[in-house]
Amino acid sequence: MATSRITNRKSKKKRKTLYTILIIATLLLSGAIVLAINLSIETKNATSKMYKALDRDKVNEDNSIKAEDSAFTLLLAGIERDEGEKYGRSDMLIVATVNPRAKKISMVNIPRDTRVFIEELGMEDKINHAYSLGGMNSTINTMENLLDIPIDYYVSTDFQGFEDIVDTVGGVDVEVPFTFKAQLTGSLKWKTYTKGKMFLNGNEALAYVRMRKSDLEGDKGRNTRQKQVIQEVITKATSFSNITKVDDMMKDVGENVRTNIPSSKYIGLIKMYQTIKSSPIEQLQLDGTNQKAYSELEKKQVWYFFPDEESLNKLKETLIINLDNSGQNAQSKISTTKLAIEE
């Protein structure tokens, strides 16, 4: 009898444990379902606001995103817009090439004062004026003429969007290259950025990536800081700790970001990114000189960035190699670079 009672107690204990596990599993599953429903609703609302096709996308509806393993280009644009302006100006322009087969991402910042021919203007002027004249359509057309590569997709955001996204991922940690002061937007207060590691919120990160006058390297130094923050945002946004913040991120993105990437392709892009996110981002550089020249548009002498012809040609060649869909040329370049470092 004693043995029987002990066996029954063990059996009841096992059933109780099993019921507890089932209840917890059910709660977790229910939570996952609710989260999925909320995300799908939030994502649908956000992506409907975000999507803004280029004129050429409307003409050729078949020009959808390429196969998931095909190389493509992406233009990242930071937009500065004053009240009442139709378009504003592009304060930041970064071209990225993504090659899934070679597991390689490259980025190059095109200085906003770069002197280029703008078709819509019919003359040469600063590349950021292309956005003022015709928005993203004009900017991409000008960028393609400058680099001799197609720009497949774009993602643009204004300053508020940048701040919100940085805050949503919990701020960013950066390695400040030197001590300087910069004025914060909104409050107009001055903040001191001290050389070394610093934690920045959205407002502070915006001032950090916009500062140029106190940087001895000018646009080159600012470009480095911009890429530094973008990499940190991507890393934090895709980390496990930020999964629960996806709803908030989608709200921020929906209100302030515009892109011509169809929402139906997001899952494929996320899967693709997971396979290459551990690969270091190659930082490319466009060299040149800053000097004054006469502007037909402004009818006066203004400062321009004139790309070095040799540097521009080398950049074009590198971008073309990075977009090789076979992945062989790009991968070969990676291997050569690694060997050179190891030696």
Protein backbone atom coordinates (compact mmCIF):
# COMPACT_ATOMS: atom_id res chain seq x y z
CA MET A 1 0.00 0.00 0.00
CA ALA A 2 2.81 2.38 0.97
CA THR A 3 4.52 1.71 -2.33
CA SER A 4 1.26 2.30 -4.18
CA ARG A 5 0.70 5.66 -2.44
CA ILE A 6 4.26 6.75 -3.23
CA THR A 7 3.77 5.75 -6.89
CA ASN A 8 0.49 7.71 -7.04
CA ARG A 9 2.14 10.79 -5.51
CA LYS A 10 4.97 10.59 -8.07
CA SER A 11 2.41 10.17 -10.87
CA LYS A 12 0.42 13.21 -9.66
CA LYS A 13 3.64 15.22 -9.35
CA LYS A 14 4.61 14.30 -12.92
CA ARG A 15 1.13 15.28 -14.18
CA LYS A 16 1.32 18.57 -12.26
CA THR A 17 4.73 19.31 -13.77
CA LEU A 18 3.44 18.39 -17.23
CA TYR A 19 0.37 20.63 -16.79
CA THR A 20 2.62 23.50 -15.67
CA ILE A 21 4.83 23.09 -18.74
CA LEU A 22 1.76 22.96 -21.00
CA ILE A 23 0.29 26.11 -19.40
CA ILE A 24 3.59 28.00 -19.79
CA ALA A 25 3.94 26.78 -23.39
CA THR A 26 0.35 27.84 -24.13
CA LEU A 27 0.94 31.29 -22.65
CA LEU A 28 4.15 31.71 -24.65
CA LEU A 29 2.41 30.57 -27.82
CA SER A 30 -0.52 32.92 -27.18
CA GLY A 31 1.89 35.78 -26.59
CA ALA A 32 3.73 34.94 -29.80
CA ILE A 33 0.46 34.88 -31.74
CA VAL A 34 -0.65 38.24 -30.29
CA LEU A 35 2.80 39.71 -31.05
CA ALA A 36 2.66 38.38 -34.60
CA ILE A 37 -0.81 39.88 -35.13
CA ASN A 38 0.26 43.24 -33.71
CA LEU A 39 3.42 43.24 -35.81
CA SER A 40 1.54 42.38 -38.98
CA ILE A 41 -0.91 45.25 -38.39
CA GLU A 42 1.86 47.69 -37.44
CA THR A 43 4.02 46.56 -40.33
CA LYS A 44 1.16 46.95 -42.80
CA ASN A 45 0.41 50.48 -41.58
CA ALA A 46 4.07 51.46 -41.57
CA THR A 47 4.97 50.01 -44.96
CA SER A 48 1.98 51.65 -46.65
CA LYS A 49 3.32 55.02 -45.49
CA MET A 50 6.93 54.16 -46.31
CA TYR A 51 6.56 52.97 -49.88
CA LYS A 52 7.19 55.65 -52.49
CA ALA A 53 7.99 54.32 -55.94
CA LEU A 54 10.35 56.08 -58.31
CA ASP A 55 8.94 57.33 -61.60
CA ARG A 56 10.69 54.49 -63.43
CA ASP A 57 9.13 51.95 -61.03
CA LYS A 58 5.67 53.19 -62.01
CA VAL A 59 6.47 52.91 -65.71
CA ASN A 60 7.98 49.44 -65.40
CA GLU A 61 6.03 47.55 -62.74
CA ASP A 62 8.04 44.41 -63.50
CA ASN A 63 11.16 46.15 -62.19
CA SER A 64 10.73 44.53 -58.80
CA ILE A 65 13.46 43.43 -56.41
CA LYS A 66 15.93 40.97 -57.84
CA ALA A 67 16.41 37.39 -56.73
CA GLU A 68 17.29 37.08 -53.05
CA ASP A 69 20.89 36.05 -53.81
CA SER A 70 21.52 38.72 -56.47
CA ALA A 71 23.77 41.69 -55.80
CA PHE A 72 22.08 45.09 -55.59
CA THR A 73 22.73 48.73 -54.76
CA LEU A 74 21.07 50.83 -52.10
CA LEU A 75 21.16 54.61 -51.68
CA LEU A 76 20.85 55.85 -48.09
CA ALA A 77 19.81 59.51 -47.95
CA GLY A 78 19.46 61.85 -44.97
CA ILE A 79 17.10 64.69 -45.84
CA GLU A 80 17.14 68.21 -44.41
CA ARG A 81 13.84 69.96 -45.02
CA ASP A 82 12.74 73.45 -43.94
CA GLU A 83 9.08 74.24 -43.39
CA GLY A 84 7.29 74.97 -46.66
CA GLU A 85 9.92 73.27 -48.86
CA LYS A 86 8.62 70.66 -51.30
CA TYR A 87 11.74 68.49 -51.30
CA GLY A 88 14.49 69.94 -49.10
CA ARG A 89 18.14 68.96 -49.51
CA SER A 90 20.08 65.72 -49.17
CA ASP A 91 22.46 66.26 -46.25
CA MET A 92 23.86 62.71 -46.37
CA LEU A 93 24.28 60.40 -49.36
CA ILE A 94 25.70 56.89 -48.91
CA VAL A 95 25.78 54.28 -51.66
CA ALA A 96 25.92 50.67 -50.52
CA THR A 97 26.50 47.56 -52.60
CA VAL A 98 25.23 44.27 -51.20
CA ASN A 99 26.49 40.97 -52.62
CA PRO A 100 24.89 37.95 -50.86
CA ARG A 101 26.91 35.38 -52.79
CA ALA A 102 30.22 37.03 -51.89
CA LYS A 103 28.85 37.81 -48.39
CA LYS A 104 30.01 41.38 -48.78
CA ILE A 105 28.62 44.85 -48.09
CA SER A 106 30.45 47.99 -49.19
CA MET A 107 29.61 51.61 -48.44
CA VAL A 108 30.82 54.91 -49.83
CA ASN A 109 29.77 58.38 -48.78
CA ILE A 110 29.34 60.94 -51.55
CA PRO A 111 30.00 64.43 -50.10
CA ARG A 112 26.93 66.66 -50.38
CA ASP A 113 29.00 69.45 -52.01
CA THR A 114 30.28 67.18 -54.80
CA ARG A 115 30.18 69.10 -58.09
CA VAL A 116 28.34 67.01 -60.69
CA PHE A 117 26.23 67.48 -63.79
CA ILE A 118 22.54 67.58 -62.91
CA GLU A 119 20.32 66.84 -65.92
CA GLU A 120 17.26 68.52 -64.41
CA LEU A 121 19.34 71.67 -63.94
CA GLY A 122 21.18 71.42 -67.24
CA MET A 123 24.50 72.33 -65.62
CA GLU A 124 26.98 71.35 -62.93
CA ASP A 125 26.30 72.08 -59.30
CA LYS A 126 26.30 70.48 -55.83
CA ILE A 127 24.85 66.97 -55.80
CA ASN A 128 22.54 67.83 -52.89
CA HIS A 129 20.77 70.34 -55.17
CA ALA A 130 19.54 67.39 -57.26
CA TYR A 131 17.13 66.52 -54.44
CA SER A 132 16.00 70.15 -54.16
CA LEU A 133 15.11 70.13 -57.87
CA GLY A 134 13.45 66.75 -58.29
CA GLY A 135 13.51 64.73 -55.11
CA MET A 136 14.76 61.16 -55.12
CA ASN A 137 14.21 60.66 -58.86
CA SER A 138 16.66 63.44 -59.70
CA THR A 139 19.12 62.37 -56.99
CA ILE A 140 19.30 58.77 -58.20
CA ASN A 141 19.60 59.84 -61.84
CA THR A 142 22.52 62.13 -60.91
CA MET A 143 24.17 59.45 -58.76
CA GLU A 144 23.95 56.85 -61.54
CA ASN A 145 25.59 59.26 -63.98
CA LEU A 146 28.38 59.97 -61.50
CA LEU A 147 29.20 56.35 -60.57
CA ASP A 148 28.22 54.50 -63.77
CA ILE A 149 26.21 51.89 -61.85
CA PRO A 150 22.46 51.40 -61.46
CA ILE A 151 20.91 52.41 -58.13
CA ASP A 152 18.31 49.72 -57.47
CA TYR A 153 16.73 50.94 -54.27
CA TYR A 154 16.76 53.87 -51.90
CA VAL A 155 15.92 54.52 -48.26
CA SER A 156 15.57 58.11 -47.09
CA THR A 157 14.86 59.61 -43.70
CA ASP A 158 14.63 63.09 -42.21
CA PHE A 159 16.37 64.25 -39.05
CA GLN A 160 13.44 63.42 -36.77
CA GLY A 161 13.31 59.91 -38.16
CA PHE A 162 17.03 59.49 -37.49
CA GLU A 163 16.64 60.62 -33.87
CA ASP A 164 13.60 58.41 -33.25
CA ILE A 165 15.25 55.28 -34.64
CA VAL A 166 18.42 55.79 -32.56
CA ASP A 167 16.32 56.31 -29.42
CA THR A 168 14.15 53.26 -30.16
CA VAL A 169 17.17 50.93 -30.32
CA GLY A 170 18.31 52.35 -26.98
CA GLY A 171 20.95 54.81 -28.18
CA VAL A 172 24.36 54.06 -29.67
CA ASP A 173 27.90 53.59 -28.39
CA VAL A 174 30.53 55.34 -30.52
CA GLU A 175 34.28 55.86 -30.48
CA VAL A 176 34.69 59.65 -30.71
CA PRO A 177 37.87 60.34 -32.75
CA PHE A 178 38.66 63.69 -31.08
CA THR A 179 37.12 66.14 -28.61
CA PHE A 180 34.78 68.75 -30.09
CA LYS A 181 31.58 70.70 -29.44
CA ALA A 182 28.43 70.56 -31.55
CA GLN A 183 25.05 72.27 -31.32
CA LEU A 184 22.03 70.07 -30.70
CA THR A 185 18.91 70.51 -32.83
CA GLY A 186 15.76 71.67 -31.05
CA SER A 187 17.28 72.92 -27.78
CA LEU A 188 20.23 74.58 -29.61
CA LYS A 189 22.40 73.69 -26.61
CA TRP A 190 26.08 72.91 -27.12
CA LYS A 191 27.34 69.44 -26.23
CA THR A 192 30.94 68.40 -25.74
CA TYR A 193 31.96 65.13 -27.38
CA THR A 194 35.02 63.76 -25.61
CA LYS A 195 37.59 61.59 -27.39
CA GLY A 196 37.01 57.92 -26.63
CA LYS A 197 33.92 55.82 -26.02
CA MET A 198 30.64 57.69 -25.55
CA PHE A 199 26.97 56.75 -25.37
CA LEU A 200 24.66 58.97 -27.43
CA ASN A 201 20.88 59.34 -27.60
CA GLY A 202 19.10 60.22 -30.84
CA ASN A 203 19.48 64.00 -30.57
CA GLU A 204 23.15 63.70 -29.63
CA ALA A 205 23.86 61.16 -32.40
CA LEU A 206 22.33 63.49 -35.00
CA ALA A 207 24.65 66.36 -34.01
CA TYR A 208 27.56 63.89 -33.95
CA VAL A 209 27.04 62.77 -37.56
CA ARG A 210 26.27 66.27 -38.89
CA MET A 211 29.28 68.14 -37.46
CA ARG A 212 31.84 69.05 -40.10
CA LYS A 213 33.49 72.43 -39.41
CA SER A 214 35.49 71.24 -36.37
CA ASP A 215 36.74 68.15 -38.19
CA LEU A 216 40.18 68.60 -39.75
CA GLU A 217 39.23 65.95 -42.32
CA GLY A 218 36.03 67.82 -43.26
CA ASP A 219 33.52 65.70 -45.14
CA LYS A 220 35.80 62.66 -44.96
CA GLY A 221 35.74 62.71 -41.18
CA ARG A 222 32.01 63.29 -41.09
CA ASN A 223 31.47 60.41 -43.49
CA THR A 224 33.38 58.10 -41.15
CA ARG A 225 31.21 59.14 -38.20
CA GLN A 226 28.01 58.64 -40.22
CA LYS A 227 28.97 55.09 -41.19
CA GLN A 228 30.00 54.39 -37.59
CA VAL A 229 26.53 55.29 -36.28
CA ILE A 230 24.69 53.48 -39.10
CA GLN A 231 26.60 50.26 -38.36
CA GLU A 232 25.81 50.57 -34.65
CA VAL A 233 22.09 51.14 -35.36
CA ILE A 234 21.94 48.09 -37.65
CA THR A 235 23.72 45.93 -35.07
CA LYS A 236 21.42 47.00 -32.23
CA ALA A 237 18.25 46.86 -34.35
CA THR A 238 18.91 43.22 -35.24
CA SER A 239 19.94 42.14 -31.73
CA PHE A 240 17.77 39.82 -29.63
CA SER A 241 17.28 42.48 -26.92
CA ASN A 242 15.50 44.75 -29.40
CA ILE A 243 13.03 42.15 -30.72
CA THR A 244 10.32 43.47 -28.38
CA LYS A 245 10.87 46.98 -29.76
CA VAL A 246 10.02 46.06 -33.34
CA ASP A 247 6.57 47.66 -33.03
CA ASP A 248 8.09 50.97 -31.91
CA MET A 249 10.75 50.81 -34.61
CA MET A 250 8.11 50.21 -37.27
CA LYS A 251 6.16 53.25 -36.06
CA ASP A 252 9.27 55.43 -36.24
CA VAL A 253 10.18 54.04 -39.64
CA GLY A 254 6.66 54.43 -41.02
CA GLU A 255 6.42 58.08 -40.07
CA ASN A 256 9.85 59.22 -41.21
CA VAL A 257 11.28 56.80 -43.76
CA ARG A 258 10.55 56.49 -47.49
CA THR A 259 11.69 53.68 -49.80
CA ASN A 260 10.91 52.03 -53.12
CA ILE A 261 11.40 48.52 -51.68
CA PRO A 262 8.04 46.67 -51.78
CA SER A 263 6.94 45.27 -48.42
CA SER A 264 6.48 41.84 -50.03
CA LYS A 265 10.28 41.60 -50.28
CA TYR A 266 11.15 42.48 -46.68
CA ILE A 267 11.22 38.91 -45.38
CA GLY A 268 13.57 37.86 -48.17
CA LEU A 269 15.88 40.78 -47.45
CA ILE A 270 15.90 40.01 -43.72
CA LYS A 271 16.78 36.37 -44.41
CA MET A 272 19.52 37.46 -46.78
CA TYR A 273 20.94 39.93 -44.25
CA GLN A 274 21.09 37.23 -41.57
CA THR A 275 23.54 35.28 -43.75
CA ILE A 276 25.97 38.18 -44.21
CA LYS A 277 25.53 40.43 -41.14
CA SER A 278 28.64 38.99 -39.47
CA SER A 279 30.79 40.10 -42.41
CA PRO A 280 32.61 43.42 -41.89
CA ILE A 281 31.36 46.34 -43.96
CA GLU A 282 33.95 47.53 -46.47
CA GLN A 283 34.42 51.30 -46.22
CA LEU A 284 35.20 52.86 -49.60
CA GLN A 285 36.48 56.39 -50.08
CA LEU A 286 36.08 59.04 -52.77
CA ASP A 287 39.03 61.42 -52.61
CA GLY A 288 39.02 64.96 -53.94
CA THR A 289 39.61 68.61 -53.10
CA ASN A 290 37.48 71.39 -51.65
CA GLN A 291 37.74 74.66 -53.51
CA LYS A 292 35.65 77.62 -54.58
CA ALA A 293 34.12 77.93 -58.05
CA TYR A 294 31.42 80.02 -59.68
CA SER A 295 27.87 78.70 -59.34
CA GLU A 296 25.51 79.50 -62.21
CA LEU A 297 22.63 78.58 -59.93
CA GLU A 298 23.60 80.91 -57.07
CA LYS A 299 25.41 83.47 -59.25
CA LYS A 300 28.42 83.64 -56.95
CA GLN A 301 31.57 81.81 -55.85
CA VAL A 302 30.75 78.86 -53.57
CA TRP A 303 32.63 75.92 -52.06
CA TYR A 304 32.53 72.62 -53.97
CA PHE A 305 34.04 69.16 -53.55
CA PHE A 306 35.81 68.17 -56.77
CA PRO A 307 36.32 64.37 -57.00
CA ASP A 308 39.81 63.23 -57.94
CA GLU A 309 39.49 61.59 -61.37
CA GLU A 310 41.75 58.66 -60.52
CA SER A 311 39.95 58.04 -57.22
CA LEU A 312 36.55 58.23 -58.93
CA ASN A 313 37.58 55.74 -61.63
CA LYS A 314 38.96 53.35 -58.99
CA LEU A 315 35.71 53.64 -57.04
CA LYS A 316 33.65 52.84 -60.15
CA GLU A 317 35.75 49.73 -60.84
CA THR A 318 35.39 48.54 -57.23
CA LEU A 319 31.61 49.00 -57.25
CA ILE A 320 31.29 47.06 -60.50
CA ILE A 321 33.38 44.21 -59.04
CA ASN A 322 31.20 44.22 -55.91
CA LEU A 323 28.07 43.84 -58.04
CA ASP A 324 29.40 40.77 -59.84
CA ASN A 325 26.57 38.25 -59.34
CA SER A 326 28.89 35.28 -59.62
CA GLY A 327 30.47 36.48 -56.40
CA GLN A 328 33.87 35.29 -57.66
CA ASN A 329 35.51 38.64 -58.33
CA ALA A 330 34.25 40.21 -55.12
CA GLN A 331 35.22 37.16 -53.06
CA SER A 332 38.63 37.08 -54.70
CA LYS A 333 39.16 40.68 -53.67
CA ILE A 334 38.21 39.85 -50.09
CA SER A 335 40.69 36.94 -50.01
CA THR A 336 43.48 39.11 -51.44
CA THR A 337 42.82 41.78 -48.80
CA LYS A 338 42.87 39.20 -45.99
CA LEU A 339 46.18 37.77 -47.22
CA ALA A 340 47.72 41.22 -47.35
CA ILE A 341 46.62 41.92 -43.77
CA GLU A 342 47.90 38.56 -42.48
CA GLU A 343 51.26 39.01 -44.14
